[in-house]
Amino acid sequence: MEASKELSFEEAMEQLERIVERLENGDVPLETAIELFQEGMKLSQLCGGKLEQVERKIELLIETEQGFQKKTFAPSNEDKGE
């Protein structure tokens, strides 16, 4: 698996989930587990970077009474069923 090519967020998450499943099974040799862990860390950083880009776009698009103003994104509690 190659994290250096440009993956979509969804593709990176799918690869990361497969790596986690393999590591959780514990049936891989130590060297393979280390390689999988390193690849998983790269994918995790890629996903984190993509989420930060989306968050910055959301911050720029939130409108206030004074016009467009940067605000931080805070998820709603409505999604949690509260």
N, C-alpha and C. Protein backbone atom coordinates (compact mmCIF):
# COMPACT_ATOMS: atom_id res chain seq x y z
N MET A 1 0.84 -1.19 0.00
CA MET A 1 0.00 0.00 0.00
C MET A 1 0.87 1.24 0.00
N GLU A 2 0.47 2.20 -0.76
CA GLU A 2 1.29 3.39 -0.92
C GLU A 2 0.47 4.62 -0.53
N ALA A 3 0.79 5.25 0.59
CA ALA A 3 0.05 6.42 1.06
C ALA A 3 0.52 7.69 0.37
N SER A 4 1.68 7.64 -0.31
CA SER A 4 2.22 8.85 -0.90
C SER A 4 1.43 9.29 -2.12
N LYS A 5 0.78 8.36 -2.85
CA LYS A 5 -0.08 8.79 -3.96
C LYS A 5 -1.30 9.47 -3.37
N GLU A 6 -1.91 10.36 -4.12
CA GLU A 6 -3.02 11.14 -3.59
C GLU A 6 -4.28 10.29 -3.49
N LEU A 7 -4.67 10.00 -2.28
CA LEU A 7 -5.87 9.22 -2.00
C LEU A 7 -6.97 10.16 -1.54
N SER A 8 -8.21 9.77 -1.79
CA SER A 8 -9.32 10.51 -1.21
C SER A 8 -9.37 10.16 0.28
N PHE A 9 -10.10 10.95 1.03
CA PHE A 9 -10.26 10.69 2.46
C PHE A 9 -10.86 9.29 2.67
N GLU A 10 -11.87 8.97 1.87
CA GLU A 10 -12.55 7.69 2.01
C GLU A 10 -11.62 6.52 1.70
N GLU A 11 -10.81 6.64 0.65
CA GLU A 11 -9.87 5.58 0.29
C GLU A 11 -8.84 5.38 1.41
N ALA A 12 -8.34 6.49 1.94
CA ALA A 12 -7.35 6.41 3.01
C ALA A 12 -7.96 5.75 4.25
N MET A 13 -9.20 6.10 4.58
CA MET A 13 -9.85 5.50 5.74
C MET A 13 -10.07 4.00 5.54
N GLU A 14 -10.45 3.60 4.33
CA GLU A 14 -10.65 2.17 4.05
C GLU A 14 -9.34 1.40 4.23
N GLN A 15 -8.25 1.96 3.70
CA GLN A 15 -6.95 1.30 3.84
C GLN A 15 -6.55 1.23 5.31
N LEU A 16 -6.78 2.31 6.04
CA LEU A 16 -6.45 2.35 7.46
C LEU A 16 -7.26 1.31 8.24
N GLU A 17 -8.52 1.17 7.91
CA GLU A 17 -9.36 0.17 8.59
C GLU A 17 -8.86 -1.24 8.31
N ARG A 18 -8.43 -1.52 7.08
CA ARG A 18 -7.89 -2.85 6.76
C ARG A 18 -6.61 -3.12 7.54
N ILE A 19 -5.76 -2.10 7.66
CA ILE A 19 -4.52 -2.25 8.43
C ILE A 19 -4.83 -2.54 9.89
N VAL A 20 -5.76 -1.80 10.45
CA VAL A 20 -6.13 -2.00 11.86
C VAL A 20 -6.67 -3.41 12.07
N GLU A 21 -7.50 -3.88 11.16
CA GLU A 21 -8.04 -5.24 11.28
C GLU A 21 -6.92 -6.28 11.28
N ARG A 22 -5.95 -6.12 10.38
CA ARG A 22 -4.84 -7.07 10.31
C ARG A 22 -4.02 -7.04 11.59
N LEU A 23 -3.76 -5.84 12.10
CA LEU A 23 -2.98 -5.72 13.33
C LEU A 23 -3.75 -6.28 14.53
N GLU A 24 -5.05 -6.06 14.57
CA GLU A 24 -5.85 -6.57 15.69
C GLU A 24 -5.91 -8.10 15.68
N ASN A 25 -5.88 -8.70 14.49
CA ASN A 25 -5.90 -10.16 14.41
C ASN A 25 -4.64 -10.77 15.01
N GLY A 26 -3.53 -10.03 14.95
CA GLY A 26 -2.30 -10.48 15.56
C GLY A 26 -1.63 -11.65 14.87
N ASP A 27 -2.03 -11.95 13.64
CA ASP A 27 -1.46 -13.11 12.95
C ASP A 27 -0.44 -12.70 11.88
N VAL A 28 0.19 -11.53 12.06
CA VAL A 28 1.22 -11.09 11.11
C VAL A 28 2.58 -11.11 11.80
N PRO A 29 3.63 -11.44 11.05
CA PRO A 29 4.97 -11.41 11.63
C PRO A 29 5.33 -10.00 12.13
N LEU A 30 6.25 -9.93 13.06
CA LEU A 30 6.63 -8.65 13.67
C LEU A 30 7.05 -7.62 12.64
N GLU A 31 7.89 -8.00 11.68
CA GLU A 31 8.34 -7.03 10.67
C GLU A 31 7.17 -6.50 9.85
N THR A 32 6.25 -7.39 9.50
CA THR A 32 5.06 -6.96 8.75
C THR A 32 4.20 -6.04 9.60
N ALA A 33 4.06 -6.36 10.88
CA ALA A 33 3.28 -5.52 11.79
C ALA A 33 3.87 -4.12 11.88
N ILE A 34 5.20 -4.03 11.93
CA ILE A 34 5.86 -2.72 11.99
C ILE A 34 5.60 -1.94 10.71
N GLU A 35 5.71 -2.62 9.56
CA GLU A 35 5.44 -1.96 8.28
C GLU A 35 3.99 -1.49 8.20
N LEU A 36 3.07 -2.34 8.64
CA LEU A 36 1.66 -1.96 8.64
C LEU A 36 1.41 -0.77 9.56
N PHE A 37 2.05 -0.79 10.73
CA PHE A 37 1.90 0.33 11.66
C PHE A 37 2.40 1.62 11.04
N GLN A 38 3.56 1.58 10.38
CA GLN A 38 4.11 2.77 9.74
C GLN A 38 3.18 3.29 8.64
N GLU A 39 2.67 2.37 7.84
CA GLU A 39 1.73 2.75 6.78
C GLU A 39 0.46 3.33 7.38
N GLY A 40 -0.01 2.73 8.47
CA GLY A 40 -1.19 3.25 9.15
C GLY A 40 -0.99 4.66 9.69
N MET A 41 0.19 4.93 10.21
CA MET A 41 0.49 6.27 10.71
C MET A 41 0.48 7.29 9.56
N LYS A 42 1.03 6.92 8.41
CA LYS A 42 1.01 7.82 7.25
C LYS A 42 -0.43 8.10 6.82
N LEU A 43 -1.25 7.05 6.78
CA LEU A 43 -2.64 7.21 6.38
C LEU A 43 -3.40 8.06 7.40
N SER A 44 -3.10 7.86 8.68
CA SER A 44 -3.74 8.65 9.73
C SER A 44 -3.39 10.14 9.58
N GLN A 45 -2.13 10.43 9.29
CA GLN A 45 -1.71 11.82 9.09
C GLN A 45 -2.38 12.42 7.85
N LEU A 46 -2.50 11.62 6.79
CA LEU A 46 -3.17 12.08 5.57
C LEU A 46 -4.62 12.42 5.87
N CYS A 47 -5.32 11.54 6.59
CA CYS A 47 -6.72 11.79 6.94
C CYS A 47 -6.84 13.03 7.82
N GLY A 48 -5.96 13.16 8.80
CA GLY A 48 -5.98 14.33 9.68
C GLY A 48 -5.77 15.62 8.90
N GLY A 49 -4.85 15.59 7.94
CA GLY A 49 -4.60 16.77 7.11
C GLY A 49 -5.82 17.13 6.28
N LYS A 50 -6.48 16.13 5.71
CA LYS A 50 -7.67 16.39 4.91
C LYS A 50 -8.80 16.95 5.77
N LEU A 51 -8.95 16.44 7.00
CA LEU A 51 -9.97 16.97 7.90
C LEU A 51 -9.68 18.42 8.28
N GLU A 52 -8.41 18.75 8.47
CA GLU A 52 -8.04 20.13 8.79
C GLU A 52 -8.37 21.06 7.62
N GLN A 53 -8.14 20.60 6.38
CA GLN A 53 -8.47 21.41 5.21
C GLN A 53 -9.97 21.70 5.15
N VAL A 54 -10.77 20.67 5.41
CA VAL A 54 -12.22 20.83 5.39
C VAL A 54 -12.65 21.78 6.51
N GLU A 55 -12.06 21.62 7.68
CA GLU A 55 -12.41 22.50 8.80
C GLU A 55 -12.09 23.96 8.47
N ARG A 56 -10.95 24.21 7.83
CA ARG A 56 -10.61 25.59 7.44
C ARG A 56 -11.62 26.14 6.44
N LYS A 57 -12.08 25.31 5.51
CA LYS A 57 -13.09 25.77 4.54
C LYS A 57 -14.39 26.11 5.26
N ILE A 58 -14.78 25.28 6.22
CA ILE A 58 -16.01 25.53 6.97
C ILE A 58 -15.89 26.83 7.76
N GLU A 59 -14.72 27.03 8.39
CA GLU A 59 -14.50 28.26 9.16
C GLU A 59 -14.68 29.49 8.30
N LEU A 60 -14.22 29.41 7.06
CA LEU A 60 -14.29 30.57 6.18
C LEU A 60 -15.70 30.82 5.65
N LEU A 61 -16.55 29.80 5.67
CA LEU A 61 -17.89 29.94 5.09
C LEU A 61 -18.98 30.28 6.08
N ILE A 62 -18.67 30.30 7.37
CA ILE A 62 -19.69 30.61 8.37
C ILE A 62 -19.95 32.12 8.35
N GLU A 63 -21.20 32.46 8.16
CA GLU A 63 -21.56 33.87 8.04
C GLU A 63 -22.14 34.40 9.36
N THR A 64 -21.76 35.62 9.71
CA THR A 64 -22.33 36.29 10.88
C THR A 64 -23.05 37.55 10.41
N GLU A 65 -23.64 38.27 11.34
CA GLU A 65 -24.35 39.50 10.98
C GLU A 65 -23.42 40.54 10.35
N GLN A 66 -22.15 40.53 10.72
CA GLN A 66 -21.20 41.50 10.18
C GLN A 66 -20.64 41.07 8.83
N GLY A 67 -21.13 40.00 8.27
CA GLY A 67 -20.59 39.46 7.03
C GLY A 67 -19.88 38.16 7.32
N PHE A 68 -19.02 37.77 6.43
CA PHE A 68 -18.28 36.53 6.64
C PHE A 68 -17.19 36.76 7.66
N GLN A 69 -17.14 35.86 8.63
CA GLN A 69 -16.15 35.97 9.69
C GLN A 69 -15.69 34.57 10.05
N LYS A 70 -14.41 34.41 10.29
CA LYS A 70 -13.86 33.10 10.64
C LYS A 70 -14.33 32.69 12.02
N LYS A 71 -14.89 31.49 12.10
CA LYS A 71 -15.29 30.89 13.36
C LYS A 71 -14.84 29.45 13.34
N THR A 72 -14.59 28.90 14.51
CA THR A 72 -14.19 27.50 14.55
C THR A 72 -15.42 26.62 14.41
N PHE A 73 -15.21 25.45 13.84
CA PHE A 73 -16.29 24.49 13.62
C PHE A 73 -16.52 23.70 14.89
N ALA A 74 -17.75 23.63 15.35
CA ALA A 74 -18.10 22.81 16.52
C ALA A 74 -19.26 21.92 16.12
N PRO A 75 -19.09 20.60 16.21
CA PRO A 75 -20.18 19.70 15.83
C PRO A 75 -21.39 19.88 16.73
N SER A 76 -22.55 19.68 16.17
CA SER A 76 -23.79 19.83 16.89
C SER A 76 -24.07 18.62 17.76
N ASN A 77 -24.73 18.82 18.88
CA ASN A 77 -25.12 17.71 19.74
C ASN A 77 -26.34 16.97 19.18
N GLU A 78 -27.00 17.54 18.15
CA GLU A 78 -28.17 16.92 17.58
C GLU A 78 -27.84 15.56 16.97
N ASP A 79 -26.64 15.40 16.41
CA ASP A 79 -26.24 14.15 15.79
C ASP A 79 -26.12 13.01 16.80
N LYS A 80 -25.94 13.34 18.06
CA LYS A 80 -25.76 12.33 19.10
C LYS A 80 -27.09 11.85 19.67
N GLY A 81 -28.19 12.45 19.20
CA GLY A 81 -29.51 12.05 19.67
C GLY A 81 -29.84 12.59 21.04
N GLU A 82 -29.17 13.64 21.45
CA GLU A 82 -29.42 14.22 22.77
C GLU A 82 -30.49 15.28 22.69
